[in-house]
All heavy atoms as atom14 arrays in JSON, in Angstrom:
{
  "sequence": "LNLMWKHQSNMVIWGTMPFTYLGNPSILVITRGYYVLD",
  "atom14_mask": [
    [1, 1, 1, 1, 1, 1, 1, 1, 0, 0, 0, 0, 0, 0],
    [1, 1, 1, 1, 1, 1, 1, 1, 0, 0, 0, 0, 0, 0],
    [1, 1, 1, 1, 1, 1, 1, 1, 0, 0, 0, 0, 0, 0],
    [1, 1, 1, 1, 1, 1, 1, 1, 0, 0, 0, 0, 0, 0],
    [1, 1, 1, 1, 1, 1, 1, 1, 1, 1, 1, 1, 1, 1],
    [1, 1, 1, 1, 1, 1, 1, 1, 1, 0, 0, 0, 0, 0],
    [1, 1, 1, 1, 1, 1, 1, 1, 1, 1, 0, 0, 0, 0],
    [1, 1, 1, 1, 1, 1, 1, 1, 1, 0, 0, 0, 0, 0],
    [1, 1, 1, 1, 1, 1, 0, 0, 0, 0, 0, 0, 0, 0],
    [1, 1, 1, 1, 1, 1, 1, 1, 0, 0, 0, 0, 0, 0],
    [1, 1, 1, 1, 1, 1, 1, 1, 0, 0, 0, 0, 0, 0],
    [1, 1, 1, 1, 1, 1, 1, 0, 0, 0, 0, 0, 0, 0],
    [1, 1, 1, 1, 1, 1, 1, 1, 0, 0, 0, 0, 0, 0],
    [1, 1, 1, 1, 1, 1, 1, 1, 1, 1, 1, 1, 1, 1],
    [1, 1, 1, 1, 0, 0, 0, 0, 0, 0, 0, 0, 0, 0],
    [1, 1, 1, 1, 1, 1, 1, 0, 0, 0, 0, 0, 0, 0],
    [1, 1, 1, 1, 1, 1, 1, 1, 0, 0, 0, 0, 0, 0],
    [1, 1, 1, 1, 1, 1, 1, 0, 0, 0, 0, 0, 0, 0],
    [1, 1, 1, 1, 1, 1, 1, 1, 1, 1, 1, 0, 0, 0],
    [1, 1, 1, 1, 1, 1, 1, 0, 0, 0, 0, 0, 0, 0],
    [1, 1, 1, 1, 1, 1, 1, 1, 1, 1, 1, 1, 0, 0],
    [1, 1, 1, 1, 1, 1, 1, 1, 0, 0, 0, 0, 0, 0],
    [1, 1, 1, 1, 0, 0, 0, 0, 0, 0, 0, 0, 0, 0],
    [1, 1, 1, 1, 1, 1, 1, 1, 0, 0, 0, 0, 0, 0],
    [1, 1, 1, 1, 1, 1, 1, 0, 0, 0, 0, 0, 0, 0],
    [1, 1, 1, 1, 1, 1, 0, 0, 0, 0, 0, 0, 0, 0],
    [1, 1, 1, 1, 1, 1, 1, 1, 0, 0, 0, 0, 0, 0],
    [1, 1, 1, 1, 1, 1, 1, 1, 0, 0, 0, 0, 0, 0],
    [1, 1, 1, 1, 1, 1, 1, 0, 0, 0, 0, 0, 0, 0],
    [1, 1, 1, 1, 1, 1, 1, 1, 0, 0, 0, 0, 0, 0],
    [1, 1, 1, 1, 1, 1, 1, 0, 0, 0, 0, 0, 0, 0],
    [1, 1, 1, 1, 1, 1, 1, 1, 1, 1, 1, 0, 0, 0],
    [1, 1, 1, 1, 0, 0, 0, 0, 0, 0, 0, 0, 0, 0],
    [1, 1, 1, 1, 1, 1, 1, 1, 1, 1, 1, 1, 0, 0],
    [1, 1, 1, 1, 1, 1, 1, 1, 1, 1, 1, 1, 0, 0],
    [1, 1, 1, 1, 1, 1, 1, 0, 0, 0, 0, 0, 0, 0],
    [1, 1, 1, 1, 1, 1, 1, 1, 0, 0, 0, 0, 0, 0],
    [1, 1, 1, 1, 1, 1, 1, 1, 0, 0, 0, 0, 0, 0]
  ],
  "atom14_positions": [
    [[0.81, -1.23, 0.0], [0.0, 0.0, 0.0], [0.84, 1.27, 0.0], [0.38, 2.33, 0.44], [-1.0, 0.02, 1.15], [-2.06, -1.09, 1.14], [-3.15, -0.8, 2.17], [-2.69, -1.26, -0.23], [0.0, 0.0, 0.0], [0.0, 0.0, 0.0], [0.0, 0.0, 0.0], [0.0, 0.0, 0.0], [0.0, 0.0, 0.0], [0.0, 0.0, 0.0]],
    [[2.05, 1.19, -0.53], [2.82, 2.4, -0.8], [2.32, 3.0, -2.12], [2.1, 2.27, -3.1], [4.31, 2.09, -0.91], [4.87, 1.53, 0.39], [4.73, 2.13, 1.45], [5.51, 0.37, 0.31], [0.0, 0.0, 0.0], [0.0, 0.0, 0.0], [0.0, 0.0, 0.0], [0.0, 0.0, 0.0], [0.0, 0.0, 0.0], [0.0, 0.0, 0.0]],
    [[2.14, 4.32, -2.15], [1.65, 4.98, -3.35], [2.73, 4.96, -4.43], [3.84, 5.44, -4.23], [1.26, 6.42, -3.04], [0.75, 7.25, -4.22], [-0.57, 6.7, -4.75], [0.59, 8.72, -3.82], [0.0, 0.0, 0.0], [0.0, 0.0, 0.0], [0.0, 0.0, 0.0], [0.0, 0.0, 0.0], [0.0, 0.0, 0.0], [0.0, 0.0, 0.0]],
    [[2.4, 4.43, -5.59], [3.3, 4.44, -6.74], [3.04, 5.69, -7.59], [3.97, 6.34, -8.03], [3.14, 3.16, -7.55], [3.46, 1.9, -6.76], [3.2, 0.36, -7.67], [4.54, 0.46, -8.87], [0.0, 0.0, 0.0], [0.0, 0.0, 0.0], [0.0, 0.0, 0.0], [0.0, 0.0, 0.0], [0.0, 0.0, 0.0], [0.0, 0.0, 0.0]],
    [[1.77, 5.99, -7.82], [1.39, 7.25, -8.45], [-0.12, 7.44, -8.28], [-0.85, 6.51, -7.95], [1.77, 7.31, -9.93], [1.34, 6.17, -10.82], [2.12, 5.15, -11.28], [0.02, 5.95, -11.37], [1.38, 4.29, -12.06], [0.1, 4.77, -12.15], [-1.2, 6.61, -11.28], [-1.0, 4.24, -12.83], [-2.3, 6.09, -11.95], [-2.18, 4.92, -12.71]],
    [[-0.56, 8.68, -8.49], [-1.99, 8.96, -8.58], [-2.22, 9.92, -9.73], [-1.4, 10.79, -10.02], [-2.55, 9.51, -7.27], [-2.01, 10.83, -6.81], [-2.67, 11.22, -5.48], [-2.15, 12.57, -4.98], [-2.82, 12.96, -3.7], [0.0, 0.0, 0.0], [0.0, 0.0, 0.0], [0.0, 0.0, 0.0], [0.0, 0.0, 0.0], [0.0, 0.0, 0.0]],
    [[-3.35, 9.75, -10.39], [-3.7, 10.56, -11.55], [-5.02, 11.27, -11.28], [-6.01, 10.65, -10.9], [-3.85, 9.68, -12.8], [-4.32, 10.42, -14.01], [-3.45, 11.01, -14.9], [-5.57, 10.7, -14.46], [-4.15, 11.6, -15.85], [-5.43, 11.43, -15.61], [0.0, 0.0, 0.0], [0.0, 0.0, 0.0], [0.0, 0.0, 0.0], [0.0, 0.0, 0.0]],
    [[-5.01, 12.59, -11.45], [-6.21, 13.37, -11.18], [-7.06, 13.5, -12.42], [-6.58, 13.79, -13.52], [-5.85, 14.76, -10.67], [-7.07, 15.57, -10.24], [-6.7, 16.9, -9.59], [-5.57, 17.36, -9.69], [-7.65, 17.5, -8.88], [0.0, 0.0, 0.0], [0.0, 0.0, 0.0], [0.0, 0.0, 0.0], [0.0, 0.0, 0.0], [0.0, 0.0, 0.0]],
    [[-8.36, 13.27, -12.23], [-9.35, 13.49, -13.28], [-10.22, 14.66, -12.87], [-10.24, 15.05, -11.69], [-10.2, 12.22, -13.46], [-11.32, 12.47, -14.29], [0.0, 0.0, 0.0], [0.0, 0.0, 0.0], [0.0, 0.0, 0.0], [0.0, 0.0, 0.0], [0.0, 0.0, 0.0], [0.0, 0.0, 0.0], [0.0, 0.0, 0.0], [0.0, 0.0, 0.0]],
    [[-10.95, 15.22, -13.81], [-11.91, 16.26, -13.44], [-13.32, 15.7, -13.32], [-14.3, 16.45, -13.29], [-11.88, 17.41, -14.46], [-12.21, 16.95, -15.87], [-12.42, 15.75, -16.1], [-12.26, 17.88, -16.8], [0.0, 0.0, 0.0], [0.0, 0.0, 0.0], [0.0, 0.0, 0.0], [0.0, 0.0, 0.0], [0.0, 0.0, 0.0], [0.0, 0.0, 0.0]],
    [[-13.42, 14.37, -13.24], [-14.71, 13.71, -13.16], [-14.64, 12.56, -12.16], [-13.56, 12.04, -11.87], [-15.13, 13.18, -14.54], [-15.35, 14.27, -15.58], [-15.58, 13.6, -17.25], [-13.9, 13.16, -17.68], [0.0, 0.0, 0.0], [0.0, 0.0, 0.0], [0.0, 0.0, 0.0], [0.0, 0.0, 0.0], [0.0, 0.0, 0.0], [0.0, 0.0, 0.0]],
    [[-15.79, 12.14, -11.64], [-15.88, 11.01, -10.72], [-15.4, 9.74, -11.43], [-15.73, 9.5, -12.59], [-17.33, 10.81, -10.23], [-17.48, 9.5, -9.46], [-17.75, 11.99, -9.36], [0.0, 0.0, 0.0], [0.0, 0.0, 0.0], [0.0, 0.0, 0.0], [0.0, 0.0, 0.0], [0.0, 0.0, 0.0], [0.0, 0.0, 0.0], [0.0, 0.0, 0.0]],
    [[-14.62, 8.93, -10.71], [-14.14, 7.66, -11.24], [-15.11, 6.56, -10.79], [-15.21, 6.25, -9.61], [-12.72, 7.33, -10.73], [-11.77, 8.5, -10.99], [-12.22, 6.04, -11.35], [-11.6, 8.88, -12.44], [0.0, 0.0, 0.0], [0.0, 0.0, 0.0], [0.0, 0.0, 0.0], [0.0, 0.0, 0.0], [0.0, 0.0, 0.0], [0.0, 0.0, 0.0]],
    [[-15.85, 5.96, -11.74], [-16.81, 4.92, -11.4], [-16.19, 3.53, -11.43], [-16.72, 2.6, -10.83], [-18.0, 4.97, -12.34], [-18.9, 6.12, -12.06], [-18.97, 7.29, -12.74], [-19.84, 6.24, -10.98], [-19.9, 8.14, -12.17], [-20.45, 7.5, -11.08], [-20.23, 5.39, -9.95], [-21.42, 7.93, -10.19], [-21.19, 5.83, -9.06], [-21.78, 7.08, -9.19]],
    [[-15.09, 3.38, -12.12], [-14.47, 2.07, -12.18], [-13.12, 2.13, -12.86], [-12.79, 3.09, -13.58], [0.0, 0.0, 0.0], [0.0, 0.0, 0.0], [0.0, 0.0, 0.0], [0.0, 0.0, 0.0], [0.0, 0.0, 0.0], [0.0, 0.0, 0.0], [0.0, 0.0, 0.0], [0.0, 0.0, 0.0], [0.0, 0.0, 0.0], [0.0, 0.0, 0.0]],
    [[-12.31, 1.11, -12.62], [-11.02, 0.95, -13.29], [-10.91, -0.49, -13.75], [-11.53, -1.4, -13.19], [-9.85, 1.27, -12.34], [-9.92, 0.4, -11.2], [-9.89, 2.72, -11.89], [0.0, 0.0, 0.0], [0.0, 0.0, 0.0], [0.0, 0.0, 0.0], [0.0, 0.0, 0.0], [0.0, 0.0, 0.0], [0.0, 0.0, 0.0], [0.0, 0.0, 0.0]],
    [[-10.11, -0.72, -14.79], [-9.99, -2.05, -15.34], [-8.6, -2.23, -15.97], [-8.27, -1.54, -16.93], [-11.07, -2.25, -16.42], [-11.19, -3.67, -16.94], [-12.45, -3.75, -18.25], [-13.88, -3.09, -17.42], [0.0, 0.0, 0.0], [0.0, 0.0, 0.0], [0.0, 0.0, 0.0], [0.0, 0.0, 0.0], [0.0, 0.0, 0.0], [0.0, 0.0, 0.0]],
    [[-7.76, -3.12, -15.42], [-6.49, -3.38, -16.09], [-6.71, -4.18, -17.37], [-7.55, -5.1, -17.41], [-5.72, -4.22, -15.04], [-6.78, -4.85, -14.22], [-7.94, -3.91, -14.19], [0.0, 0.0, 0.0], [0.0, 0.0, 0.0], [0.0, 0.0, 0.0], [0.0, 0.0, 0.0], [0.0, 0.0, 0.0], [0.0, 0.0, 0.0], [0.0, 0.0, 0.0]],
    [[-6.01, -3.83, -18.42], [-6.11, -4.56, -19.68], [-4.88, -4.24, -20.52], [-4.06, -3.39, -20.16], [-7.41, -4.2, -20.42], [-7.4, -2.88, -21.15], [-7.62, -2.81, -22.51], [-7.18, -1.68, -20.47], [-7.62, -1.6, -23.19], [-7.19, -0.47, -21.13], [-7.4, -0.42, -22.49], [0.0, 0.0, 0.0], [0.0, 0.0, 0.0], [0.0, 0.0, 0.0]],
    [[-4.73, -4.94, -21.61], [-3.6, -4.72, -22.51], [-4.06, -3.86, -23.68], [-4.87, -4.31, -24.51], [-3.02, -6.04, -23.01], [-2.59, -6.82, -21.88], [-1.83, -5.8, -23.93], [0.0, 0.0, 0.0], [0.0, 0.0, 0.0], [0.0, 0.0, 0.0], [0.0, 0.0, 0.0], [0.0, 0.0, 0.0], [0.0, 0.0, 0.0], [0.0, 0.0, 0.0]],
    [[-3.57, -2.63, -23.73], [-3.96, -1.69, -24.78], [-2.81, -1.53, -25.76], [-1.71, -1.11, -25.38], [-4.32, -0.33, -24.14], [-4.66, 0.75, -25.14], [-5.79, 0.65, -25.94], [-3.85, 1.88, -25.27], [-6.11, 1.64, -26.85], [-4.16, 2.88, -26.18], [-5.29, 2.75, -26.97], [-5.6, 3.74, -27.87], [0.0, 0.0, 0.0], [0.0, 0.0, 0.0]],
    [[-3.07, -1.9, -27.0], [-2.05, -1.82, -28.06], [-0.76, -2.52, -27.63], [0.35, -2.04, -27.88], [-1.78, -0.36, -28.44], [-2.99, 0.45, -28.92], [-2.58, 1.88, -29.24], [-3.65, -0.21, -30.13], [0.0, 0.0, 0.0], [0.0, 0.0, 0.0], [0.0, 0.0, 0.0], [0.0, 0.0, 0.0], [0.0, 0.0, 0.0], [0.0, 0.0, 0.0]],
    [[-0.91, -3.65, -26.96], [0.23, -4.45, -26.57], [0.89, -4.07, -25.27], [1.87, -4.71, -24.86], [0.0, 0.0, 0.0], [0.0, 0.0, 0.0], [0.0, 0.0, 0.0], [0.0, 0.0, 0.0], [0.0, 0.0, 0.0], [0.0, 0.0, 0.0], [0.0, 0.0, 0.0], [0.0, 0.0, 0.0], [0.0, 0.0, 0.0], [0.0, 0.0, 0.0]],
    [[0.37, -3.04, -24.57], [1.0, -2.55, -23.35], [0.05, -2.68, -22.15], [-1.14, -2.34, -22.27], [1.39, -1.08, -23.51], [2.38, -0.87, -24.64], [3.42, -1.51, -24.69], [2.05, 0.03, -25.57], [0.0, 0.0, 0.0], [0.0, 0.0, 0.0], [0.0, 0.0, 0.0], [0.0, 0.0, 0.0], [0.0, 0.0, 0.0], [0.0, 0.0, 0.0]],
    [[0.55, -3.14, -20.99], [-0.29, -3.18, -19.79], [-0.79, -1.77, -19.45], [0.0, -0.84, -19.33], [0.66, -3.7, -18.71], [1.74, -4.41, -19.45], [1.9, -3.66, -20.74], [0.0, 0.0, 0.0], [0.0, 0.0, 0.0], [0.0, 0.0, 0.0], [0.0, 0.0, 0.0], [0.0, 0.0, 0.0], [0.0, 0.0, 0.0], [0.0, 0.0, 0.0]],
    [[-2.1, -1.63, -19.29], [-2.71, -0.31, -19.13], [-3.9, -0.4, -18.19], [-4.29, -1.49, -17.74], [-3.16, 0.23, -20.5], [-2.09, 0.26, -21.43], [0.0, 0.0, 0.0], [0.0, 0.0, 0.0], [0.0, 0.0, 0.0], [0.0, 0.0, 0.0], [0.0, 0.0, 0.0], [0.0, 0.0, 0.0], [0.0, 0.0, 0.0], [0.0, 0.0, 0.0]],
    [[-4.49, 0.75, -17.92], [-5.67, 0.84, -17.06], [-6.75, 1.61, -17.8], [-6.52, 2.75, -18.24], [-5.34, 1.56, -15.73], [-4.25, 0.81, -14.98], [-6.6, 1.69, -14.87], [-3.68, 1.59, -13.81], [0.0, 0.0, 0.0], [0.0, 0.0, 0.0], [0.0, 0.0, 0.0], [0.0, 0.0, 0.0], [0.0, 0.0, 0.0], [0.0, 0.0, 0.0]],
    [[-7.92, 1.0, -17.94], [-9.08, 1.69, -18.48], [-9.81, 2.35, -17.32], [-10.16, 1.69, -16.34], [-10.0, 0.7, -19.2], [-11.23, 1.32, -19.87], [-10.82, 2.16, -21.07], [-12.21, 0.24, -20.3], [0.0, 0.0, 0.0], [0.0, 0.0, 0.0], [0.0, 0.0, 0.0], [0.0, 0.0, 0.0], [0.0, 0.0, 0.0], [0.0, 0.0, 0.0]],
    [[-10.04, 3.64, -17.43], [-10.71, 4.41, -16.39], [-12.12, 4.74, -16.87], [-12.3, 5.33, -17.95], [-9.95, 5.71, -16.05], [-10.65, 6.47, -14.94], [-8.51, 5.38, -15.65], [0.0, 0.0, 0.0], [0.0, 0.0, 0.0], [0.0, 0.0, 0.0], [0.0, 0.0, 0.0], [0.0, 0.0, 0.0], [0.0, 0.0, 0.0], [0.0, 0.0, 0.0]],
    [[-13.12, 4.35, -16.08], [-14.52, 4.49, -16.46], [-15.08, 5.74, -15.78], [-15.11, 5.84, -14.55], [-15.31, 3.24, -16.06], [-14.7, 2.0, -16.7], [-16.78, 3.38, -16.46], [-15.25, 0.7, -16.16], [0.0, 0.0, 0.0], [0.0, 0.0, 0.0], [0.0, 0.0, 0.0], [0.0, 0.0, 0.0], [0.0, 0.0, 0.0], [0.0, 0.0, 0.0]],
    [[-15.54, 6.68, -16.58], [-16.03, 7.95, -16.06], [-17.04, 8.5, -17.08], [-17.82, 7.71, -17.63], [-14.84, 8.91, -15.8], [-15.33, 10.14, -15.3], [-13.97, 9.12, -16.99], [0.0, 0.0, 0.0], [0.0, 0.0, 0.0], [0.0, 0.0, 0.0], [0.0, 0.0, 0.0], [0.0, 0.0, 0.0], [0.0, 0.0, 0.0], [0.0, 0.0, 0.0]],
    [[-17.07, 9.79, -17.33], [-17.91, 10.31, -18.41], [-17.18, 10.01, -19.72], [-16.32, 10.77, -20.15], [-18.16, 11.8, -18.25], [-19.06, 12.37, -19.36], [-19.41, 13.82, -19.1], [-20.35, 13.95, -17.99], [-20.67, 15.11, -17.43], [-20.11, 16.23, -17.84], [-21.53, 15.14, -16.43], [0.0, 0.0, 0.0], [0.0, 0.0, 0.0], [0.0, 0.0, 0.0]],
    [[-17.54, 8.9, -20.32], [-16.72, 8.31, -21.35], [-15.67, 7.43, -20.69], [-15.94, 6.78, -19.67], [0.0, 0.0, 0.0], [0.0, 0.0, 0.0], [0.0, 0.0, 0.0], [0.0, 0.0, 0.0], [0.0, 0.0, 0.0], [0.0, 0.0, 0.0], [0.0, 0.0, 0.0], [0.0, 0.0, 0.0], [0.0, 0.0, 0.0], [0.0, 0.0, 0.0]],
    [[-14.47, 7.41, -21.22], [-13.41, 6.6, -20.64], [-12.08, 7.11, -21.15], [-11.99, 7.83, -22.16], [-13.58, 5.11, -21.01], [-13.68, 4.85, -22.49], [-12.54, 4.68, -23.28], [-14.92, 4.77, -23.12], [-12.63, 4.45, -24.64], [-15.03, 4.55, -24.48], [-13.88, 4.38, -25.23], [-13.98, 4.15, -26.58], [0.0, 0.0, 0.0], [0.0, 0.0, 0.0]],
    [[-11.02, 6.77, -20.42], [-9.68, 7.05, -20.9], [-8.73, 5.96, -20.45], [-9.08, 5.11, -19.62], [-9.2, 8.45, -20.49], [-9.09, 8.74, -19.02], [-7.93, 8.46, -18.3], [-10.14, 9.36, -18.33], [-7.82, 8.78, -16.95], [-10.04, 9.68, -16.98], [-8.88, 9.38, -16.3], [-8.77, 9.69, -14.97], [0.0, 0.0, 0.0], [0.0, 0.0, 0.0]],
    [[-7.53, 5.96, -21.03], [-6.54, 4.92, -20.78], [-5.29, 5.54, -20.17], [-4.78, 6.54, -20.67], [-6.17, 4.18, -22.09], [-5.11, 3.1, -21.81], [-7.41, 3.55, -22.72], [0.0, 0.0, 0.0], [0.0, 0.0, 0.0], [0.0, 0.0, 0.0], [0.0, 0.0, 0.0], [0.0, 0.0, 0.0], [0.0, 0.0, 0.0], [0.0, 0.0, 0.0]],
    [[-4.82, 4.92, -19.07], [-3.55, 5.29, -18.46], [-2.54, 4.18, -18.7], [-2.89, 2.99, -18.62], [-3.71, 5.5, -16.95], [-4.69, 6.57, -16.49], [-4.78, 6.57, -14.97], [-4.29, 7.95, -17.0], [0.0, 0.0, 0.0], [0.0, 0.0, 0.0], [0.0, 0.0, 0.0], [0.0, 0.0, 0.0], [0.0, 0.0, 0.0], [0.0, 0.0, 0.0]],
    [[-1.3, 4.54, -18.99], [-0.26, 3.52, -19.06], [0.17, 3.13, -17.65], [-0.33, 3.66, -16.65], [0.91, 3.96, -19.93], [1.71, 5.12, -19.36], [1.58, 5.42, -18.15], [2.48, 5.74, -20.12], [0.0, 0.0, 0.0], [0.0, 0.0, 0.0], [0.0, 0.0, 0.0], [0.0, 0.0, 0.0], [0.0, 0.0, 0.0], [0.0, 0.0, 0.0]]
  ]
}
């Protein structure tokens, strides 16, 4: 539970999902629409 990083959004985060995006381990962030973090 040591913080590795945190990413600020301007919207409520309803969910997160690890997945492989374009061959790279990534995180899908579910909000108003969605975005991908490496």
